[in-house]
C-alpha atoms as a PDB file:
ATOM      1  CA  MET A   1      69.910  93.682  97.123  1.00  0.00           C
ATOM      2  CA  HIS A   2      69.258  97.319  96.320  1.00  0.00           C
ATOM      3  CA  THR A   3      70.379  98.956  93.088  1.00  0.00           C
ATOM      4  CA  ILE A   4      72.352 101.579  95.013  1.00  0.00           C
ATOM      5  CA  PHE A   5      74.646  98.832  96.320  1.00  0.00           C
ATOM      6  CA  TYR A   6      75.994  98.245  92.814  1.00  0.00           C
ATOM      7  CA  GLN A   7      76.633 101.950  92.231  1.00  0.00           C
ATOM      8  CA  LEU A   8      78.524 102.812  95.429  1.00  0.00           C
ATOM      9  CA  ALA A   9      82.173 103.822  94.981  1.00  0.00           C
ATOM     10  CA  ASP A  10      83.471 101.732  97.902  1.00  0.00           C
ATOM     11  CA  PRO A  11      84.254  98.082  97.088  1.00  0.00           C
ATOM     12  CA  MET A  12      81.723  95.893  98.873  1.00  0.00           C
ATOM     13  CA  MET A  13      80.706  92.282  99.119  1.00  0.00           C
ATOM     14  CA  ILE A  14      77.694  90.721 100.786  1.00  0.00           C
ATOM     15  CA  VAL A  15      78.357  87.555 102.753  1.00  0.00           C
ATOM     16  CA  GLU A  16      76.117  85.091 104.557  1.00  0.00           C
ATOM     17  CA  TYR A  17      76.747  82.385 107.133  1.00  0.00           C
ATOM     18  CA  ASP A  18      74.878  79.211 106.208  1.00  0.00           C
ATOM     19  CA  PHE A  19      75.397  75.495 106.758  1.00  0.00           C
ATOM     20  CA  ASN A  20      78.335  76.139 109.083  1.00  0.00           C
ATOM     21  CA  ARG A  21      80.385  78.157 106.613  1.00  0.00           C
ATOM     22  CA  TRP A  22      80.561  81.602 105.000  1.00  0.00           C
ATOM     23  CA  TYR A  23      79.443  82.333 101.432  1.00  0.00           C
ATOM     24  CA  ILE A  24      79.822  85.353  99.157  1.00  0.00           C
ATOM     25  CA  ARG A  25      76.350  86.233  97.895  1.00  0.00           C
ATOM     26  CA  ASP A  26      76.987  89.414  95.938  1.00  0.00           C
ATOM     27  CA  ILE A  27      79.651  92.002  95.049  1.00  0.00           C
ATOM     28  CA  ASN A  28      79.397  95.486  93.560  1.00  0.00           C
ATOM     29  CA  LYS A  29      81.217  96.922  90.548  1.00  0.00           C
ATOM     30  CA  ALA A  30      83.853  98.612  92.694  1.00  0.00           C
ATOM     31  CA  PHE A  31      84.755  95.277  94.281  1.00  0.00           C
ATOM     32  CA  THR A  32      85.088  93.755  90.811  1.00  0.00           C
ATOM     33  CA  GLY A  33      87.649  96.426  89.968  1.00  0.00           C
ATOM     34  CA  LEU A  34      89.531  95.999  93.225  1.00  0.00           C
ATOM     35  CA  SER A  35      89.694  92.213  93.135  1.00  0.00           C
ATOM     36  CA  GLY A  36      89.753  91.591  89.391  1.00  0.00           C
ATOM     37  CA  TYR A  37      87.091  88.891  89.803  1.00  0.00           C
ATOM     38  CA  ARG A  38      83.722  88.925  88.077  1.00  0.00           C
ATOM     39  CA  LYS A  39      80.565  88.428  90.068  1.00  0.00           C
ATOM     40  CA  HIS A  40      79.822  84.914  88.819  1.00  0.00           C
ATOM     41  CA  GLU A  41      83.355  83.778  89.785  1.00  0.00           C
ATOM     42  CA  LEU A  42      82.836  84.659  93.444  1.00  0.00           C
ATOM     43  CA  LEU A  43      79.248  83.675  94.134  1.00  0.00           C
ATOM     44  CA  GLU A  44      79.103  80.784  96.580  1.00  0.00           C
ATOM     45  CA  VAL A  45      82.868  81.011  97.146  1.00  0.00           C
ATOM     46  CA  ASN A  46      84.148  80.841 100.722  1.00  0.00           C
ATOM     47  CA  PRO A  47      85.664  84.308 101.413  1.00  0.00           C
ATOM     48  CA  GLU A  48      88.251  82.636 103.624  1.00  0.00           C
ATOM     49  CA  ASP A  49      89.912  81.460 100.403  1.00  0.00           C
ATOM     50  CA  PHE A  50      91.116  84.929  99.452  1.00  0.00           C
ATOM     51  CA  VAL A  51      90.622  87.227 102.470  1.00  0.00           C
ATOM     52  CA  LYS A  52      93.632  86.597 104.703  1.00  0.00           C
ATOM     53  CA  ASP A  53      94.173  87.905 108.210  1.00  0.00           C
ATOM     54  CA  SER A  54      95.924  86.809 111.380  1.00  0.00           C
ATOM     55  CA  LEU A  55      92.477  85.628 112.507  1.00  0.00           C
ATOM     56  CA  PRO A  56      90.383  83.003 110.718  1.00  0.00           C
ATOM     57  CA  PHE A  57      87.639  84.653 108.659  1.00  0.00           C
ATOM     58  CA  GLY A  58      84.908  83.462 111.021  1.00  0.00           C
ATOM     59  CA  GLN A  59      86.575  85.039 114.052  1.00  0.00           C
ATOM     60  CA  LEU A  60      87.235  88.215 112.108  1.00  0.00           C
ATOM     61  CA  MET A  61      83.544  88.451 111.178  1.00  0.00           C
ATOM     62  CA  ALA A  62      82.507  87.805 114.771  1.00  0.00           C
ATOM     63  CA  LYS A  63      84.509  90.821 115.948  1.00  0.00           C
ATOM     64  CA  LEU A  64      83.203  93.052 113.153  1.00  0.00           C
ATOM     65  CA  ILE A  65      79.596  92.018 113.805  1.00  0.00           C
ATOM     66  CA  GLU A  66      79.974  92.636 117.532  1.00  0.00           C
ATOM     67  CA  ASP A  67      81.165  96.231 116.988  1.00  0.00           C
ATOM     68  CA  GLU A  68      80.139  98.004 113.768  1.00  0.00           C
ATOM     69  CA  GLN A  69      82.606 100.816 114.529  1.00  0.00           C
ATOM     70  CA  LEU A  70      85.491  98.355 114.405  1.00  0.00           C
ATOM     71  CA  THR A  71      87.776  97.988 111.366  1.00  0.00           C
ATOM     72  CA  PHE A  72      90.374  95.371 110.488  1.00  0.00           C
ATOM     73  CA  ASP A  73      93.142  95.433 107.899  1.00  0.00           C
ATOM     74  CA  ALA A  74      93.333  92.228 105.877  1.00  0.00           C
ATOM     75  CA  GLU A  75      95.070  90.991 102.724  1.00  0.00           C
ATOM     76  CA  LEU A  76      92.903  90.408  99.659  1.00  0.00           C
ATOM     77  CA  THR A  77      94.345  88.075  97.031  1.00  0.00           C
ATOM     78  CA  THR A  78      93.377  89.502  93.640  1.00  0.00           C
ATOM     79  CA  ARG A  79      92.988  87.839  90.281  1.00  0.00           C
ATOM     80  CA  SER A  80      96.279  89.366  89.097  1.00  0.00           C
ATOM     81  CA  THR A  81      97.947  87.526  92.034  1.00  0.00           C
ATOM     82  CA  MET A  82      98.829  90.878  93.589  1.00  0.00           C
ATOM     83  CA  THR A  83      97.792  91.336  97.190  1.00  0.00           C
ATOM     84  CA  ALA A  84      95.727  94.374  98.126  1.00  0.00           C
ATOM     85  CA  THR A  85      95.541  95.586 101.699  1.00  0.00           C
ATOM     86  CA  VAL A  86      91.918  96.377 102.548  1.00  0.00           C
ATOM     87  CA  ARG A  87      90.386  97.957 105.634  1.00  0.00           C
ATOM     88  CA  LEU A  88      87.249  95.970 106.443  1.00  0.00           C
ATOM     89  CA  SER A  89      84.134  97.242 108.157  1.00  0.00           C
ATOM     90  CA  CYS A  90      80.811  95.437 108.458  1.00  0.00           C
ATOM     91  CA  ARG A  91      77.093  96.270 108.387  1.00  0.00           C
ATOM     92  CA  LYS A  92      74.362  93.771 109.236  1.00  0.00           C
ATOM     93  CA  PHE A  93      71.009  93.818 107.430  1.00  0.00           C
ATOM     94  CA  GLN A  94      67.921  91.637 106.971  1.00  0.00           C
ATOM     95  CA  MET A  95      66.272  90.671 103.702  1.00  0.00           C
ATOM     96  CA  GLU A  96      63.376  88.283 103.364  1.00  0.00           C
ATOM     97  CA  GLU A  97      63.995  86.902 106.843  1.00  0.00           C
ATOM     98  CA  GLN A  98      67.613  86.166 105.925  1.00  0.00           C
ATOM     99  CA  THR A  99      70.573  87.800 107.721  1.00  0.00           C
ATOM    100  CA  TYR A 100      73.322  89.189 105.517  1.00  0.00           C
ATOM    101  CA  TYR A 101      76.503  91.158 106.203  1.00  0.00           C
ATOM    102  CA  MET A 102      77.863  93.895 103.982  1.00  0.00           C
ATOM    103  CA  LEU A 103      81.659  94.060 104.066  1.00  0.00           C
ATOM    104  CA  VAL A 104      83.094  97.422 102.970  1.00  0.00           C
ATOM    105  CA  CYS A 105      86.644  96.994 101.680  1.00  0.00           C
ATOM    106  CA  LYS A 106      88.634 100.227 101.560  1.00  0.00           C
ATOM    107  CA  ASP A 107      91.872  99.806  99.605  1.00  0.00           C
ATOM    108  CA  VAL A 108      94.731 101.007 101.829  1.00  0.00           C
ATOM    109  CA  SER A 109      97.567  99.342  99.899  1.00  0.00           C
ATOM    110  CA  ALA A 110      99.390 102.637  99.340  1.00  0.00           C
ATOM    111  CA  GLU A 111      99.095 103.608 102.990  1.00  0.00           C
ATOM    112  CA  ARG A 112     100.388 100.206 104.162  1.00  0.00           C
ATOM    113  CA  TRP A 113     103.279 100.264 101.668  1.00  0.00           C
ATOM    114  CA  GLY A 114     104.242 103.775 102.799  1.00  0.00           C
ATOM    115  CA  ASP A 115     104.262 102.794 106.480  1.00  0.00           C
ATOM    116  CA  GLU A 116     106.372  99.716 105.798  1.00  0.00           C
ATOM    117  CA  PHE A 117     108.803 101.681 103.619  1.00  0.00           C
ATOM    118  CA  ALA A 118     109.147 104.305 106.374  1.00  0.00           C
ATOM    119  CA  VAL A 119     110.361 101.649 108.828  1.00  0.00           C
ATOM    120  CA  ASP A 120     113.727 101.384 107.052  1.00  0.00           C
ATOM    121  CA  HIS A 121     113.891 104.823 105.406  1.00  0.00           C
ATOM    122  CA  LYS A 122     113.633 108.347 106.716  1.00  0.00           C
ATOM    123  CA  ILE A 123     110.461 109.706 105.151  1.00  0.00           C
ATOM    124  CA  MET A 124     109.300 113.267 105.691  1.00  0.00           C
ATOM    125  CA  MET A 125     105.841 112.955 104.191  1.00  0.00           C
ATOM    126  CA  ALA A 126     103.648 110.599 102.146  1.00  0.00           C
ATOM    127  CA  ILE A 127     101.115 112.056  99.696  1.00  0.00           C
ATOM    128  CA  GLY A 128      98.421 109.931  98.041  1.00  0.00           C
ATOM    129  CA  ILE A 129      97.552 111.192  94.540  1.00  0.00           C
ATOM    130  CA  SER A 130      94.585 110.129  92.391  1.00  0.00           C
ATOM    131  CA  GLU A 131      94.738 109.516  88.646  1.00  0.00           C
ATOM    132  CA  GLN A 132      93.454 113.099  88.249  1.00  0.00           C
ATOM    133  CA  PHE A 133      96.463 114.341  90.278  1.00  0.00           C
ATOM    134  CA  ARG A 134      94.298 115.227  93.291  1.00  0.00           C
ATOM    135  CA  ILE A 135      95.564 114.720  96.848  1.00  0.00           C
ATOM    136  CA  PHE A 136      93.423 112.175  98.707  1.00  0.00           C
ATOM    137  CA  SER A 137      95.727 111.577 101.672  1.00  0.00           C
ATOM    138  CA  LEU A 138      98.690 113.242 103.332  1.00  0.00           C
ATOM    139  CA  LYS A 139     100.641 111.741 106.202  1.00  0.00           C
ATOM    140  CA  ARG A 140     103.484 113.452 108.030  1.00  0.00           C
ATOM    141  CA  TYR A 141     106.327 111.394 109.415  1.00  0.00           C
ATOM    142  CA  PHE A 142     108.913 114.082 110.243  1.00  0.00           C
ATOM    143  CA  ALA A 143     107.904 117.137 108.204  1.00  0.00           C
ATOM    144  CA  PRO A 144     106.604 120.056 110.310  1.00  0.00           C
ATOM    145  CA  LEU A 145     103.444 121.695 108.980  1.00  0.00           C
ATOM    146  CA  ALA A 146     101.665 124.704 110.405  1.00  0.00           C
ATOM    147  CA  GLN A 147      98.338 123.642 108.882  1.00  0.00           C
ATOM    148  CA  GLY A 148      96.578 120.314 109.300  1.00  0.00           C
ATOM    149  CA  SER A 149      96.764 117.551 106.708  1.00  0.00           C
ATOM    150  CA  ALA A 150      93.057 117.975 105.888  1.00  0.00           C
ATOM    151  CA  SER A 151      93.745 121.418 104.369  1.00  0.00           C
ATOM    152  CA  PHE A 152      95.634 119.718 101.515  1.00  0.00           C
ATOM    153  CA  LEU A 153      92.948 117.174 100.597  1.00  0.00           C
ATOM    154  CA  ASN A 154      91.332 117.360  97.143  1.00  0.00           C
ATOM    155  CA  ARG A 155      93.853 119.950  95.976  1.00  0.00           C
ATOM    156  CA  SER A 156      95.936 119.372  92.854  1.00  0.00           C
ATOM    157  CA  ILE A 157      99.452 118.210  93.655  1.00  0.00           C
ATOM    158  CA  PHE A 158     100.670 120.846  91.196  1.00  0.00           C
ATOM    159  CA  GLU A 159      99.451 123.599  93.522  1.00  0.00           C
ATOM    160  CA  LEU A 160     102.244 122.550  95.894  1.00  0.00           C
ATOM    161  CA  VAL A 161     104.940 122.429  93.207  1.00  0.00           C
ATOM    162  CA  ALA A 162     106.955 125.351  91.815  1.00  0.00           C
ATOM    163  CA  GLU A 163     105.814 126.271  88.304  1.00  0.00           C
ATOM    164  CA  GLU A 164     109.084 125.272  86.625  1.00  0.00           C
ATOM    165  CA  HIS A 165     108.809 121.735  88.055  1.00  0.00           C
ATOM    166  CA  ARG A 166     105.141 121.024  87.283  1.00  0.00           C
ATOM    167  CA  ALA A 167     105.685 119.727  83.742  1.00  0.00           C
ATOM    168  CA  PRO A 168     108.641 117.463  84.725  1.00  0.00           C
ATOM    169  CA  LEU A 169     106.623 116.059  87.645  1.00  0.00           C
ATOM    170  CA  ARG A 170     103.658 115.280  85.387  1.00  0.00           C
ATOM    171  CA  ARG A 171     105.929 113.530  82.857  1.00  0.00           C
ATOM    172  CA  ILE A 172     107.595 111.397  85.510  1.00  0.00           C
ATOM    173  CA  MET A 173     104.279 110.456  87.130  1.00  0.00           C
ATOM    174  CA  GLU A 174     102.900 109.401  83.749  1.00  0.00           C
ATOM    175  CA  ARG A 175     106.050 107.366  83.089  1.00  0.00           C
ATOM    176  CA  ALA A 176     105.789 105.639  86.477  1.00  0.00           C
ATOM    177  CA  LYS A 177     102.160 104.807  85.677  1.00  0.00           C
ATOM    178  CA  SER A 178     102.982 103.372  82.240  1.00  0.00           C
ATOM    179  CA  ILE A 179     105.966 101.217  83.257  1.00  0.00           C
ATOM    180  CA  GLY A 180     104.791 100.301  86.750  1.00  0.00           C
ATOM    181  CA  LYS A 181     108.050 101.181  88.469  1.00  0.00           C
ATOM    182  CA  ILE A 182     109.224 103.625  91.124  1.00  0.00           C
ATOM    183  CA  GLU A 183     110.588 106.928  89.798  1.00  0.00           C
ATOM    184  CA  HIS A 184     112.702 109.566  91.555  1.00  0.00           C
ATOM    185  CA  LEU A 185     112.698 113.340  91.214  1.00  0.00           C
ATOM    186  CA  GLU A 186     114.070 116.490  92.867  1.00  0.00           C
ATOM    187  CA  LEU A 187     111.768 119.501  92.840  1.00  0.00           C
ATOM    188  CA  HIS A 188     110.830 122.757  94.523  1.00  0.00           C
ATOM    189  CA  MET A 189     107.601 122.733  96.509  1.00  0.00           C
ATOM    190  CA  HIS A 190     105.461 125.209  98.428  1.00  0.00           C
ATOM    191  CA  ILE A 191     104.543 123.394 101.622  1.00  0.00           C
ATOM    192  CA  GLY A 192     103.748 125.571 104.582  1.00  0.00           C
ATOM    193  CA  GLU A 193     104.817 129.194 104.463  1.00  0.00           C
ATOM    194  CA  GLY A 194     108.071 128.892 102.551  1.00  0.00           C
ATOM    195  CA  LYS A 195     109.590 127.334  99.470  1.00  0.00           C
ATOM    196  CA  ASN A 196     111.188 123.930  99.932  1.00  0.00           C
ATOM    197  CA  THR A 197     113.535 121.693  98.022  1.00  0.00           C
ATOM    198  CA  ALA A 198     112.387 118.089  98.065  1.00  0.00           C
ATOM    199  CA  LYS A 199     113.540 114.674  96.938  1.00  0.00           C
ATOM    200  CA  ALA A 200     110.553 112.584  95.915  1.00  0.00           C
ATOM    201  CA  LEU A 201     109.933 108.895  95.299  1.00  0.00           C
ATOM    202  CA  ILE A 202     106.882 108.191  93.110  1.00  0.00           C
ATOM    203  CA  LYS A 203     105.244 104.746  93.230  1.00  0.00           C
ATOM    204  CA  PRO A 204     102.199 103.716  91.169  1.00  0.00           C
ATOM    205  CA  PHE A 205      99.520 101.331  92.467  1.00  0.00           C
ATOM    206  CA  TYR A 206      97.089  99.154  90.518  1.00  0.00           C
ATOM    207  CA  SER A 207      93.840  97.319  91.194  1.00  0.00           C
ATOM    208  CA  GLY A 208      93.337  93.584  90.900  1.00  0.00           C
ATOM    209  CA  ASN A 209      92.063  94.020  87.329  1.00  0.00           C
ATOM    210  CA  ARG A 210      95.433  95.672  86.510  1.00  0.00           C
ATOM    211  CA  ALA A 211      93.831  99.082  86.042  1.00  0.00           C
ATOM    212  CA  PHE A 212      95.804 102.024  87.403  1.00  0.00           C
ATOM    213  CA  ASN A 213      94.626 103.068  90.854  1.00  0.00           C
ATOM    214  CA  ASN A 214      96.714 105.867  92.354  1.00  0.00           C
ATOM    215  CA  TYR A 215     100.184 107.248  93.063  1.00  0.00           C
ATOM    216  CA  LEU A 216     102.058 107.568  96.330  1.00  0.00           C
ATOM    217  CA  ILE A 217     104.652 110.344  96.526  1.00  0.00           C
ATOM    218  CA  MET A 218     107.133 109.842  99.352  1.00  0.00           C
ATOM    219  CA  LEU A 219     109.220 112.902 100.230  1.00  0.00           C
ATOM    220  CA  THR A 220     112.555 111.536 101.415  1.00  0.00           C
ATOM    221  CA  GLU A 221     113.975 115.029 101.973  1.00  0.00           C
ATOM    222  CA  LEU A 222     112.189 118.310 102.567  1.00  0.00           C
ATOM    223  CA  ASN A 223     114.329 121.345 103.268  1.00  0.00           C
ATOM    224  CA  GLU A 224     113.863 125.071 103.222  1.00  0.00           C
ATOM    225  CA  GLN A 225     114.833 126.751  99.959  1.00  0.00           C
ATOM    226  CA  ALA A 226     118.460 126.037  99.144  1.00  0.00           C
ATOM    227  CA  GLN A 227     120.778 128.413 100.963  1.00  0.00           C
ATOM    228  CA  GLU A 228     122.597 129.101  97.715  1.00  0.00           C
ATOM    229  CA  GLU A 229     119.487 131.025  96.560  1.00  0.00           C
ATOM    230  CA  ASP A 230     119.344 133.114  99.759  1.00  0.00           C
ATOM    231  CA  PRO A 231     120.910 136.612  99.242  1.00  0.00           C
ATOM    232  CA  SER A 232     122.113 136.782 102.857  1.00  0.00           C
ATOM    233  CA  TYR A 233     123.845 133.421 102.417  1.00  0.00           C
ATOM    234  CA  LYS A 234     125.493 134.590  99.173  1.00  0.00           C
ATOM    235  CA  LEU A 235     126.669 137.758 100.865  1.00  0.00           C
ATOM    236  CA  ARG A 236     128.147 135.883 103.813  1.00  0.00           C
ATOM    237  CA  MET A 237     129.987 133.496 101.484  1.00  0.00           C
ATOM    238  CA  LEU A 238     131.434 136.363  99.400  1.00  0.00           C
ATOM    239  CA  MET A 239     132.588 138.197 102.516  1.00  0.00           C
ATOM    240  CA  LEU A 240     134.153 134.993 103.849  1.00  0.00           C
ATOM    241  CA  ASN A 241     135.925 134.206 100.564  1.00  0.00           C
ATOM    242  CA  LYS A 242     137.347 137.728 100.334  1.00  0.00           C
ATOM    243  CA  ASN A 243     138.093 137.893 104.065  1.00  0.00           C
ATOM    244  CA  ILE A 244     136.051 141.066 104.470  1.00  0.00           C
ATOM    245  CA  SER A 245     134.382 141.673 107.833  1.00  0.00           C
ATOM    246  CA  ALA A 246     131.140 143.550 108.367  1.00  0.00           C
ATOM    247  CA  THR A 247     133.081 146.357 110.031  1.00  0.00           C
ATOM    248  CA  SER A 248     135.532 146.795 107.135  1.00  0.00           C
ATOM    249  CA  LEU A 249     132.677 146.611 104.597  1.00  0.00           C
ATOM    250  CA  SER A 250     130.860 149.334 106.526  1.00  0.00           C
ATOM    251  CA  ARG A 251     133.962 151.552 106.512  1.00  0.00           C
ATOM    252  CA  SER A 252     134.703 151.107 102.807  1.00  0.00           C
ATOM    253  CA  THR A 253     131.103 151.678 101.652  1.00  0.00           C
ATOM    254  CA  LEU A 254     130.133 154.280 104.292  1.00  0.00           C
ATOM    255  CA  ILE A 255     127.033 152.173 105.025  1.00  0.00           C
ATOM    256  CA  SER A 256     126.198 151.867 108.710  1.00  0.00           C
ATOM    257  CA  LEU A 257     127.320 148.722 110.471  1.00  0.00           C
ATOM    258  CA  THR A 258     123.736 148.177 111.649  1.00  0.00           C
ATOM    259  CA  THR A 259     122.471 148.129 108.059  1.00  0.00           C
ATOM    260  CA  ILE A 260     125.292 145.830 106.917  1.00  0.00           C
ATOM    261  CA  SER A 261     124.506 143.434 109.770  1.00  0.00           C
ATOM    262  CA  LYS A 262     120.770 143.381 108.962  1.00  0.00           C
ATOM    263  CA  ILE A 263     121.461 142.673 105.274  1.00  0.00           C
ATOM    264  CA  ARG A 264     124.030 140.015 106.187  1.00  0.00           C
ATOM    265  CA  ASN A 265     121.597 138.283 108.587  1.00  0.00           C
ATOM    266  CA  GLY A 266     118.675 138.393 106.180  1.00  0.00           C
ATOM    267  CA  LYS A 267     116.609 140.909 108.137  1.00  0.00           C
ATOM    268  CA  ILE A 268     116.766 143.230 105.130  1.00  0.00           C
ATOM    269  CA  LYS A 269     115.820 141.076 102.135  1.00  0.00           C
ATOM    270  CA  LYS A 270     116.278 143.697  99.413  1.00  0.00           C
ATOM    271  CA  PRO A 271     118.360 146.785 100.153  1.00  0.00           C
ATOM    272  CA  GLN A 272     118.090 150.023  98.189  1.00  0.00           C
ATOM    273  CA  ARG A 273     119.809 149.848  94.795  1.00  0.00           C
ATOM    274  CA  LEU A 274     122.606 152.264  95.751  1.00  0.00           C
ATOM    275  CA  THR A 275     123.300 150.262  98.895  1.00  0.00           C
ATOM    276  CA  ALA A 276     123.353 147.028  96.881  1.00  0.00           C
ATOM    277  CA  GLU A 277     125.676 148.522  94.268  1.00  0.00           C
ATOM    278  CA  LEU A 278     128.132 149.793  96.900  1.00  0.00           C
ATOM    279  CA  ILE A 279     128.261 146.417  98.677  1.00  0.00           C
ATOM    280  CA  ALA A 280     128.510 144.386  95.479  1.00  0.00           C
ATOM    281  CA  GLY A 281     131.175 146.714  94.031  1.00  0.00           C
ATOM    282  CA  GLU A 282     133.324 146.325  97.124  1.00  0.00           C
ATOM    283  CA  LEU A 283     133.033 142.538  96.789  1.00  0.00           C
ATOM    284  CA  GLY A 284     133.849 142.617  93.079  1.00  0.00           C
ATOM    285  CA  VAL A 285     130.478 141.418  91.728  1.00  0.00           C
ATOM    286  CA  LYS A 286     127.316 142.892  90.244  1.00  0.00           C
ATOM    287  CA  PRO A 287     124.285 143.415  92.528  1.00  0.00           C
ATOM    288  CA  GLU A 288     122.284 140.702  90.724  1.00  0.00           C
ATOM    289  CA  ALA A 289     124.953 138.146  91.684  1.00  0.00           C
ATOM    290  CA  ILE A 290     123.702 138.559  95.258  1.00  0.00           C
ATOM    291  CA  TRP A 291     120.125 139.823  94.822  1.00  0.00           C
ATOM    292  CA  SER A 292     118.429 138.200  91.845  1.00  0.00           C
ATOM    293  CA  SER A 293     115.606 140.751  92.098  1.00  0.00           C
ATOM    294  CA  PHE A 294     117.963 143.365  90.641  1.00  0.00           C
ATOM    295  CA  LYS A 295     118.219 141.487  87.308  1.00  0.00           C
ATOM    296  CA  GLN A 296     117.169 143.606  84.380  1.00  0.00           C
END
């Protein structure tokens, strides 16, 4: 049993098959945190007592031993009586003429919960967040993204959130962590090339020793920036409400119909001030009511 085994970040246990049954021979510190059990409580215990799968533990081990590239998801009953979903992989090694098997147990509880939640709910995206607010996983269900999910990994979640919503998001995440319940929030995010409005569900997850583990943010809605903030949308609504056509607006302001059409369709994002003043005046509003960039 090498010292490095106890220091590795992945939860691991060493098992041995002897006298026609399986025994747990050792666990590392990370496994203690995941399971909530201390080392002396698990030594000599049959792992079949708390590692549950559709296959008996012996058959599960046989498949993992046969192919070291294989992984299986199983349920680990923790000391806190919560069940953690772990992704098992196996490595065989020899020590003093004895054969042992090292089971690596990656906690995928958040991932499993997200997939199950998405069965009955329309989810755009699931984002795994560490206690330090770093993204460790990102899974798309319906949300289109130009860049791959890997480009988001290890970034702060606040990099994707509009500045005015960063403090509220932090407060709600901390509250979810402290009370152990799902929280909801609407916020503006920068995902992809544009600005989006999102509805988010925030769920905290804990280890078997009841220590906080991570967050899962589920985006139940992800839309382009609200149309009400789009100048071309505001202009179209004002023209509709006042029953003013593009042609009549062109005639009354002496602005070319081509320019009016481009502004109305969003091809011209910010017209010249005089143009904006003429259009806004004809519609009975100030330019900043349509183009916020003209605010003093």
